[in-house]
Amino acid sequence: MAGDDKLNLSREDFLTAVDALSISTGDSTDAERVAMSDSETAALYGERIRMAREWKGFTLDELAIKTGLEKAYLEKAEAGEEMLPLGVLVKVAKTLSLRLADVISRGQEPFTVVRSGEGRALHRTGSSDRGFGYRYESLAPNKKGKTMEPFLVTLFPHQSMLTSSHEGQEFLYVLEGEVEVTLEGKKNRLSPGDSIYYDSIDEHLVIAYGDAPAKIVAVLST
């Protein structure tokens, strides 16, 4: 079965199976998760990715080829030992016929209101060998059927960063600090009140400029 995608996984099948897994393990639903540690979040994402990969009939080697990512990196992600950055999560989800929301926040509500300071913090990046330099909060964790993912993102300076490229589009609005967005090798410096909209398939890099953190609203269409 491996590699031929005969399973033709649908999002509905995937979500149904994950719900069954959550019930069998006594896990809470996404809407009930208020504060998860980084390791718990990484383990949850990794389990969802692993289940989808296996039901699609892909081996780790095949997923690595399809996404252009290292097999060892994906293996750590599935084991909950590595937190994939947003751009990489989008790429992996697309390869597995999923939306980003299917992996990180599967809401069940027709609309969602998030009060100031109540966005769901998902993780703070920066492992010993891979520092992605940001912390992000979902601003619509409980909305069902999302085609956009809004986040409040804090960018930290002096972190090693990797360029990203994946399907979709991104809109960024700077709230605090200075931000440098590199698109296809061209650097664009943004200040509070500035915004930028681009196709995510273009190689891009978003970092805090200077010595202070920066805060942005980021909306990803997936």
C-alpha atoms as a PDB file:
ATOM      1  CA  MET A   1       0.000   0.000   0.000  1.00  0.00           C
ATOM      2  CA  ALA A   2       2.913   2.336   0.702  1.00  0.00           C
ATOM      3  CA  GLY A   3       3.402   5.104  -1.804  1.00  0.00           C
ATOM      4  CA  ASP A   4       0.387   4.528  -4.078  1.00  0.00           C
ATOM      5  CA  ASP A   5      -2.075   6.661  -2.081  1.00  0.00           C
ATOM      6  CA  LYS A   6      -4.842   4.073  -2.655  1.00  0.00           C
ATOM      7  CA  LEU A   7      -6.371   4.933   0.692  1.00  0.00           C
ATOM      8  CA  ASN A   8      -7.448   8.304  -0.746  1.00  0.00           C
ATOM      9  CA  LEU A   9      -7.719   9.766   2.742  1.00  0.00           C
ATOM     10  CA  SER A  10     -10.440  12.359   3.218  1.00  0.00           C
ATOM     11  CA  ARG A  11     -10.347  15.039   5.889  1.00  0.00           C
ATOM     12  CA  GLU A  12     -13.577  13.655   7.331  1.00  0.00           C
ATOM     13  CA  ASP A  13     -12.122  10.152   7.692  1.00  0.00           C
ATOM     14  CA  PHE A  14      -9.025  11.563   9.319  1.00  0.00           C
ATOM     15  CA  LEU A  15     -10.932  13.703  11.816  1.00  0.00           C
ATOM     16  CA  THR A  16     -13.291  10.849  12.683  1.00  0.00           C
ATOM     17  CA  ALA A  17     -10.356   8.579  13.400  1.00  0.00           C
ATOM     18  CA  VAL A  18      -8.621  11.215  15.520  1.00  0.00           C
ATOM     19  CA  ASP A  19     -11.815  11.698  17.520  1.00  0.00           C
ATOM     20  CA  ALA A  20     -11.901   7.941  18.123  1.00  0.00           C
ATOM     21  CA  LEU A  21      -8.289   8.020  19.248  1.00  0.00           C
ATOM     22  CA  SER A  22      -9.010  10.910  21.625  1.00  0.00           C
ATOM     23  CA  ILE A  23     -11.923   9.023  23.203  1.00  0.00           C
ATOM     24  CA  SER A  24      -9.933   5.784  23.564  1.00  0.00           C
ATOM     25  CA  THR A  25      -7.041   7.549  25.273  1.00  0.00           C
ATOM     26  CA  GLY A  26      -9.200   9.815  27.442  1.00  0.00           C
ATOM     27  CA  ASP A  27      -7.798  12.836  25.612  1.00  0.00           C
ATOM     28  CA  SER A  28      -9.671  16.146  25.640  1.00  0.00           C
ATOM     29  CA  THR A  29     -11.012  17.829  22.530  1.00  0.00           C
ATOM     30  CA  ASP A  30      -9.256  20.785  20.937  1.00  0.00           C
ATOM     31  CA  ALA A  31     -11.888  23.157  22.318  1.00  0.00           C
ATOM     32  CA  GLU A  32     -11.187  21.885  25.849  1.00  0.00           C
ATOM     33  CA  ARG A  33      -7.423  22.286  25.655  1.00  0.00           C
ATOM     34  CA  VAL A  34      -6.636  25.574  27.357  1.00  0.00           C
ATOM     35  CA  ALA A  35      -3.016  25.239  28.374  1.00  0.00           C
ATOM     36  CA  MET A  36      -0.811  22.553  26.914  1.00  0.00           C
ATOM     37  CA  SER A  37       2.925  22.385  27.359  1.00  0.00           C
ATOM     38  CA  ASP A  38       5.208  22.594  24.330  1.00  0.00           C
ATOM     39  CA  SER A  39       5.968  18.874  24.602  1.00  0.00           C
ATOM     40  CA  GLU A  40       2.266  17.957  24.816  1.00  0.00           C
ATOM     41  CA  THR A  41       1.463  20.118  21.811  1.00  0.00           C
ATOM     42  CA  ALA A  42       4.324  18.626  19.791  1.00  0.00           C
ATOM     43  CA  ALA A  43       3.162  15.113  20.692  1.00  0.00           C
ATOM     44  CA  LEU A  44      -0.421  15.889  19.611  1.00  0.00           C
ATOM     45  CA  TYR A  45       0.656  17.355  16.261  1.00  0.00           C
ATOM     46  CA  GLY A  46       3.064  14.485  15.685  1.00  0.00           C
ATOM     47  CA  GLU A  47       0.410  11.850  16.351  1.00  0.00           C
ATOM     48  CA  ARG A  48      -2.001  13.478  13.907  1.00  0.00           C
ATOM     49  CA  ILE A  49       0.682  13.672  11.228  1.00  0.00           C
ATOM     50  CA  ARG A  50       1.704  10.044  11.764  1.00  0.00           C
ATOM     51  CA  MET A  51      -1.890   8.781  11.576  1.00  0.00           C
ATOM     52  CA  ALA A  52      -2.583  10.717   8.378  1.00  0.00           C
ATOM     53  CA  ARG A  53       0.684   9.548   6.772  1.00  0.00           C
ATOM     54  CA  GLU A  54      -0.019   5.898   7.522  1.00  0.00           C
ATOM     55  CA  TRP A  55      -3.607   6.085   6.257  1.00  0.00           C
ATOM     56  CA  LYS A  56      -2.373   7.733   3.077  1.00  0.00           C
ATOM     57  CA  GLY A  57      -0.032   4.765   2.643  1.00  0.00           C
ATOM     58  CA  PHE A  58       3.187   6.811   2.733  1.00  0.00           C
ATOM     59  CA  THR A  59       6.393   5.704   4.380  1.00  0.00           C
ATOM     60  CA  LEU A  60       8.545   8.281   6.143  1.00  0.00           C
ATOM     61  CA  ASP A  61      10.951   8.124   3.211  1.00  0.00           C
ATOM     62  CA  GLU A  62       8.154   8.914   0.778  1.00  0.00           C
ATOM     63  CA  LEU A  63       6.815  11.782   2.888  1.00  0.00           C
ATOM     64  CA  ALA A  64      10.338  13.185   3.085  1.00  0.00           C
ATOM     65  CA  ILE A  65      10.635  13.093  -0.716  1.00  0.00           C
ATOM     66  CA  LYS A  66       7.209  14.659  -1.256  1.00  0.00           C
ATOM     67  CA  THR A  67       7.831  17.502   1.223  1.00  0.00           C
ATOM     68  CA  GLY A  68      11.557  17.987   0.654  1.00  0.00           C
ATOM     69  CA  LEU A  69      12.192  17.539   4.381  1.00  0.00           C
ATOM     70  CA  GLU A  70      14.720  15.279   6.062  1.00  0.00           C
ATOM     71  CA  LYS A  71      13.402  11.877   7.122  1.00  0.00           C
ATOM     72  CA  ALA A  72      15.044  12.199  10.553  1.00  0.00           C
ATOM     73  CA  TYR A  73      13.351  15.581  11.046  1.00  0.00           C
ATOM     74  CA  LEU A  74       9.917  14.146  10.214  1.00  0.00           C
ATOM     75  CA  GLU A  75      10.572  11.149  12.426  1.00  0.00           C
ATOM     76  CA  LYS A  76      11.297  13.441  15.382  1.00  0.00           C
ATOM     77  CA  ALA A  77       8.165  15.475  14.595  1.00  0.00           C
ATOM     78  CA  GLU A  78       5.952  12.391  14.608  1.00  0.00           C
ATOM     79  CA  ALA A  79       7.498  11.286  17.905  1.00  0.00           C
ATOM     80  CA  GLY A  80       6.732  14.678  19.450  1.00  0.00           C
ATOM     81  CA  GLU A  81      10.424  15.488  19.790  1.00  0.00           C
ATOM     82  CA  GLU A  82      10.414  18.343  17.272  1.00  0.00           C
ATOM     83  CA  MET A  83       7.896  21.145  16.793  1.00  0.00           C
ATOM     84  CA  LEU A  84       7.432  21.956  13.118  1.00  0.00           C
ATOM     85  CA  PRO A  85       7.184  25.683  12.309  1.00  0.00           C
ATOM     86  CA  LEU A  86       3.966  26.937  10.728  1.00  0.00           C
ATOM     87  CA  GLY A  87       5.209  26.975   7.139  1.00  0.00           C
ATOM     88  CA  VAL A  88       6.436  23.399   7.404  1.00  0.00           C
ATOM     89  CA  LEU A  89       3.171  22.281   9.026  1.00  0.00           C
ATOM     90  CA  VAL A  90       1.266  23.760   6.083  1.00  0.00           C
ATOM     91  CA  LYS A  91       3.455  21.868   3.608  1.00  0.00           C
ATOM     92  CA  VAL A  92       3.125  18.551   5.453  1.00  0.00           C
ATOM     93  CA  ALA A  93      -0.641  18.982   5.910  1.00  0.00           C
ATOM     94  CA  LYS A  94      -1.132  19.727   2.197  1.00  0.00           C
ATOM     95  CA  THR A  95       0.843  16.640   1.258  1.00  0.00           C
ATOM     96  CA  LEU A  96      -1.455  14.567   3.464  1.00  0.00           C
ATOM     97  CA  SER A  97      -4.663  16.123   2.016  1.00  0.00           C
ATOM     98  CA  LEU A  98      -5.290  18.090   5.199  1.00  0.00           C
ATOM     99  CA  ARG A  99      -5.694  21.706   6.201  1.00  0.00           C
ATOM    100  CA  LEU A 100      -3.448  23.324   8.761  1.00  0.00           C
ATOM    101  CA  ALA A 101      -6.428  23.498  11.130  1.00  0.00           C
ATOM    102  CA  ASP A 102      -6.802  19.702  10.991  1.00  0.00           C
ATOM    103  CA  VAL A 103      -3.439  19.427  12.718  1.00  0.00           C
ATOM    104  CA  ILE A 104      -3.278  22.378  15.103  1.00  0.00           C
ATOM    105  CA  SER A 105      -6.812  23.483  16.064  1.00  0.00           C
ATOM    106  CA  ARG A 106      -9.887  21.574  15.016  1.00  0.00           C
ATOM    107  CA  GLY A 107     -12.722  23.813  16.104  1.00  0.00           C
ATOM    108  CA  GLN A 108     -16.406  22.883  16.213  1.00  0.00           C
ATOM    109  CA  GLU A 109     -18.063  26.309  16.554  1.00  0.00           C
ATOM    110  CA  PRO A 110     -19.786  28.315  13.756  1.00  0.00           C
ATOM    111  CA  PHE A 111     -17.920  31.435  14.922  1.00  0.00           C
ATOM    112  CA  THR A 112     -15.363  32.252  17.579  1.00  0.00           C
ATOM    113  CA  VAL A 113     -14.715  35.309  19.741  1.00  0.00           C
ATOM    114  CA  VAL A 114     -11.270  35.624  21.325  1.00  0.00           C
ATOM    115  CA  ARG A 115     -10.893  38.286  23.974  1.00  0.00           C
ATOM    116  CA  SER A 116      -7.706  40.282  24.431  1.00  0.00           C
ATOM    117  CA  GLY A 117      -5.037  38.111  25.989  1.00  0.00           C
ATOM    118  CA  GLU A 118      -7.063  34.921  25.569  1.00  0.00           C
ATOM    119  CA  GLY A 119      -5.595  33.597  22.330  1.00  0.00           C
ATOM    120  CA  ARG A 120      -4.402  30.006  22.609  1.00  0.00           C
ATOM    121  CA  ALA A 121      -0.624  29.967  22.875  1.00  0.00           C
ATOM    122  CA  LEU A 122       0.594  27.075  20.774  1.00  0.00           C
ATOM    123  CA  HIS A 123       4.329  26.964  21.353  1.00  0.00           C
ATOM    124  CA  ARG A 124       7.556  28.802  21.879  1.00  0.00           C
ATOM    125  CA  THR A 125      10.131  27.698  19.319  1.00  0.00           C
ATOM    126  CA  GLY A 126      13.835  27.210  19.709  1.00  0.00           C
ATOM    127  CA  SER A 127      15.355  23.792  20.308  1.00  0.00           C
ATOM    128  CA  SER A 128      19.050  23.184  20.773  1.00  0.00           C
ATOM    129  CA  ASP A 129      19.728  22.748  17.069  1.00  0.00           C
ATOM    130  CA  ARG A 130      16.784  24.486  15.392  1.00  0.00           C
ATOM    131  CA  GLY A 131      15.684  27.913  16.595  1.00  0.00           C
ATOM    132  CA  PHE A 132      12.751  29.387  14.713  1.00  0.00           C
ATOM    133  CA  GLY A 133      12.494  32.449  16.896  1.00  0.00           C
ATOM    134  CA  TYR A 134       8.768  32.952  17.405  1.00  0.00           C
ATOM    135  CA  ARG A 135       5.793  32.193  19.612  1.00  0.00           C
ATOM    136  CA  TYR A 136       2.307  32.123  18.155  1.00  0.00           C
ATOM    137  CA  GLU A 137      -1.235  32.216  19.462  1.00  0.00           C
ATOM    138  CA  SER A 138      -4.282  31.032  17.550  1.00  0.00           C
ATOM    139  CA  LEU A 139      -6.912  33.760  17.268  1.00  0.00           C
ATOM    140  CA  ALA A 140      -9.641  31.406  16.037  1.00  0.00           C
ATOM    141  CA  PRO A 141      -9.014  28.033  17.696  1.00  0.00           C
ATOM    142  CA  ASN A 142     -12.654  26.948  17.881  1.00  0.00           C
ATOM    143  CA  LYS A 143     -13.940  27.985  14.424  1.00  0.00           C
ATOM    144  CA  LYS A 144     -14.932  24.990  12.334  1.00  0.00           C
ATOM    145  CA  GLY A 145     -14.233  24.670   8.612  1.00  0.00           C
ATOM    146  CA  LYS A 146     -11.465  27.278   8.583  1.00  0.00           C
ATOM    147  CA  THR A 147      -9.815  28.254   5.315  1.00  0.00           C
ATOM    148  CA  MET A 148      -7.803  31.022   7.000  1.00  0.00           C
ATOM    149  CA  GLU A 149      -5.635  30.769  10.118  1.00  0.00           C
ATOM    150  CA  PRO A 150      -5.142  34.020  12.082  1.00  0.00           C
ATOM    151  CA  PHE A 151      -2.328  34.212  14.619  1.00  0.00           C
ATOM    152  CA  LEU A 152      -0.796  36.691  17.018  1.00  0.00           C
ATOM    153  CA  VAL A 153       2.934  36.121  16.578  1.00  0.00           C
ATOM    154  CA  THR A 154       5.834  37.326  18.708  1.00  0.00           C
ATOM    155  CA  LEU A 155       9.141  37.278  16.849  1.00  0.00           C
ATOM    156  CA  PHE A 156      12.313  37.015  18.915  1.00  0.00           C
ATOM    157  CA  PRO A 157      15.637  38.467  17.704  1.00  0.00           C
ATOM    158  CA  HIS A 158      18.940  36.640  17.317  1.00  0.00           C
ATOM    159  CA  GLN A 159      17.475  33.279  16.363  1.00  0.00           C
ATOM    160  CA  SER A 160      18.591  31.123  13.462  1.00  0.00           C
ATOM    161  CA  MET A 161      15.845  31.072  10.869  1.00  0.00           C
ATOM    162  CA  LEU A 162      15.021  29.058   7.760  1.00  0.00           C
ATOM    163  CA  THR A 163      13.267  30.319   4.646  1.00  0.00           C
ATOM    164  CA  SER A 164       9.853  28.848   3.964  1.00  0.00           C
ATOM    165  CA  SER A 165       7.822  28.013   0.876  1.00  0.00           C
ATOM    166  CA  HIS A 166       4.375  26.407   0.771  1.00  0.00           C
ATOM    167  CA  GLU A 167       0.997  26.734  -0.914  1.00  0.00           C
ATOM    168  CA  GLY A 168      -1.386  29.530   0.044  1.00  0.00           C
ATOM    169  CA  GLN A 169      -1.081  33.212   0.858  1.00  0.00           C
ATOM    170  CA  GLU A 170      -0.052  35.226   3.917  1.00  0.00           C
ATOM    171  CA  PHE A 171      -0.972  38.640   5.281  1.00  0.00           C
ATOM    172  CA  LEU A 172       1.134  40.246   8.020  1.00  0.00           C
ATOM    173  CA  TYR A 173       0.365  43.398  10.025  1.00  0.00           C
ATOM    174  CA  VAL A 174       2.963  44.807  12.395  1.00  0.00           C
ATOM    175  CA  LEU A 175       1.750  45.787  15.872  1.00  0.00           C
ATOM    176  CA  GLU A 176       5.017  46.350  17.740  1.00  0.00           C
ATOM    177  CA  GLY A 177       8.713  46.487  16.929  1.00  0.00           C
ATOM    178  CA  GLU A 178      10.472  46.208  13.581  1.00  0.00           C
ATOM    179  CA  VAL A 179      10.087  43.283  11.189  1.00  0.00           C
ATOM    180  CA  GLU A 180      12.139  42.243   8.186  1.00  0.00           C
ATOM    181  CA  VAL A 181      10.402  40.179   5.513  1.00  0.00           C
ATOM    182  CA  THR A 182      12.601  38.691   2.800  1.00  0.00           C
ATOM    183  CA  LEU A 183      10.799  37.658  -0.381  1.00  0.00           C
ATOM    184  CA  GLU A 184      12.769  36.028  -3.180  1.00  0.00           C
ATOM    185  CA  GLY A 185      15.940  37.626  -1.828  1.00  0.00           C
ATOM    186  CA  LYS A 186      14.508  41.158  -1.471  1.00  0.00           C
ATOM    187  CA  LYS A 187      14.414  42.538   2.095  1.00  0.00           C
ATOM    188  CA  ASN A 188      11.414  44.605   3.205  1.00  0.00           C
ATOM    189  CA  ARG A 189      11.582  46.366   6.580  1.00  0.00           C
ATOM    190  CA  LEU A 190       8.227  46.965   8.269  1.00  0.00           C
ATOM    191  CA  SER A 191       7.297  49.209  11.212  1.00  0.00           C
ATOM    192  CA  PRO A 192       4.148  49.345  13.384  1.00  0.00           C
ATOM    193  CA  GLY A 193       1.140  49.973  11.162  1.00  0.00           C
ATOM    194  CA  ASP A 194       2.818  48.516   8.071  1.00  0.00           C
ATOM    195  CA  SER A 195       1.523  45.375   6.378  1.00  0.00           C
ATOM    196  CA  ILE A 196       2.496  42.976   3.622  1.00  0.00           C
ATOM    197  CA  TYR A 197       0.563  40.391   1.569  1.00  0.00           C
ATOM    198  CA  TYR A 198       2.289  37.726  -0.517  1.00  0.00           C
ATOM    199  CA  ASP A 199       2.021  34.289  -2.067  1.00  0.00           C
ATOM    200  CA  SER A 200       3.437  31.746   0.350  1.00  0.00           C
ATOM    201  CA  ILE A 201       4.864  29.667  -2.496  1.00  0.00           C
ATOM    202  CA  ASP A 202       7.519  32.389  -2.898  1.00  0.00           C
ATOM    203  CA  GLU A 203      10.558  31.768  -0.702  1.00  0.00           C
ATOM    204  CA  HIS A 204      10.055  33.974   2.359  1.00  0.00           C
ATOM    205  CA  LEU A 205      11.623  34.699   5.717  1.00  0.00           C
ATOM    206  CA  VAL A 206      10.039  36.757   8.513  1.00  0.00           C
ATOM    207  CA  ILE A 207      12.240  37.890  11.417  1.00  0.00           C
ATOM    208  CA  ALA A 208      12.414  40.548  14.108  1.00  0.00           C
ATOM    209  CA  TYR A 209      14.713  43.335  12.986  1.00  0.00           C
ATOM    210  CA  GLY A 210      17.166  44.697  15.541  1.00  0.00           C
ATOM    211  CA  ASP A 211      17.609  43.719  19.177  1.00  0.00           C
ATOM    212  CA  ALA A 212      13.991  43.820  20.391  1.00  0.00           C
ATOM    213  CA  PRO A 213      11.086  41.400  19.872  1.00  0.00           C
ATOM    214  CA  ALA A 214       8.332  42.294  17.432  1.00  0.00           C
ATOM    215  CA  LYS A 215       4.641  41.441  17.455  1.00  0.00           C
ATOM    216  CA  ILE A 216       2.520  40.880  14.353  1.00  0.00           C
ATOM    217  CA  VAL A 217      -0.889  39.631  13.286  1.00  0.00           C
ATOM    218  CA  ALA A 218      -0.407  36.907  10.679  1.00  0.00           C
ATOM    219  CA  VAL A 219      -3.225  35.429   8.582  1.00  0.00           C
ATOM    220  CA  LEU A 220      -2.473  32.301   6.547  1.00  0.00           C
ATOM    221  CA  SER A 221      -4.818  30.979   3.888  1.00  0.00           C
ATOM    222  CA  THR A 222      -4.449  27.247   3.448  1.00  0.00           C
END
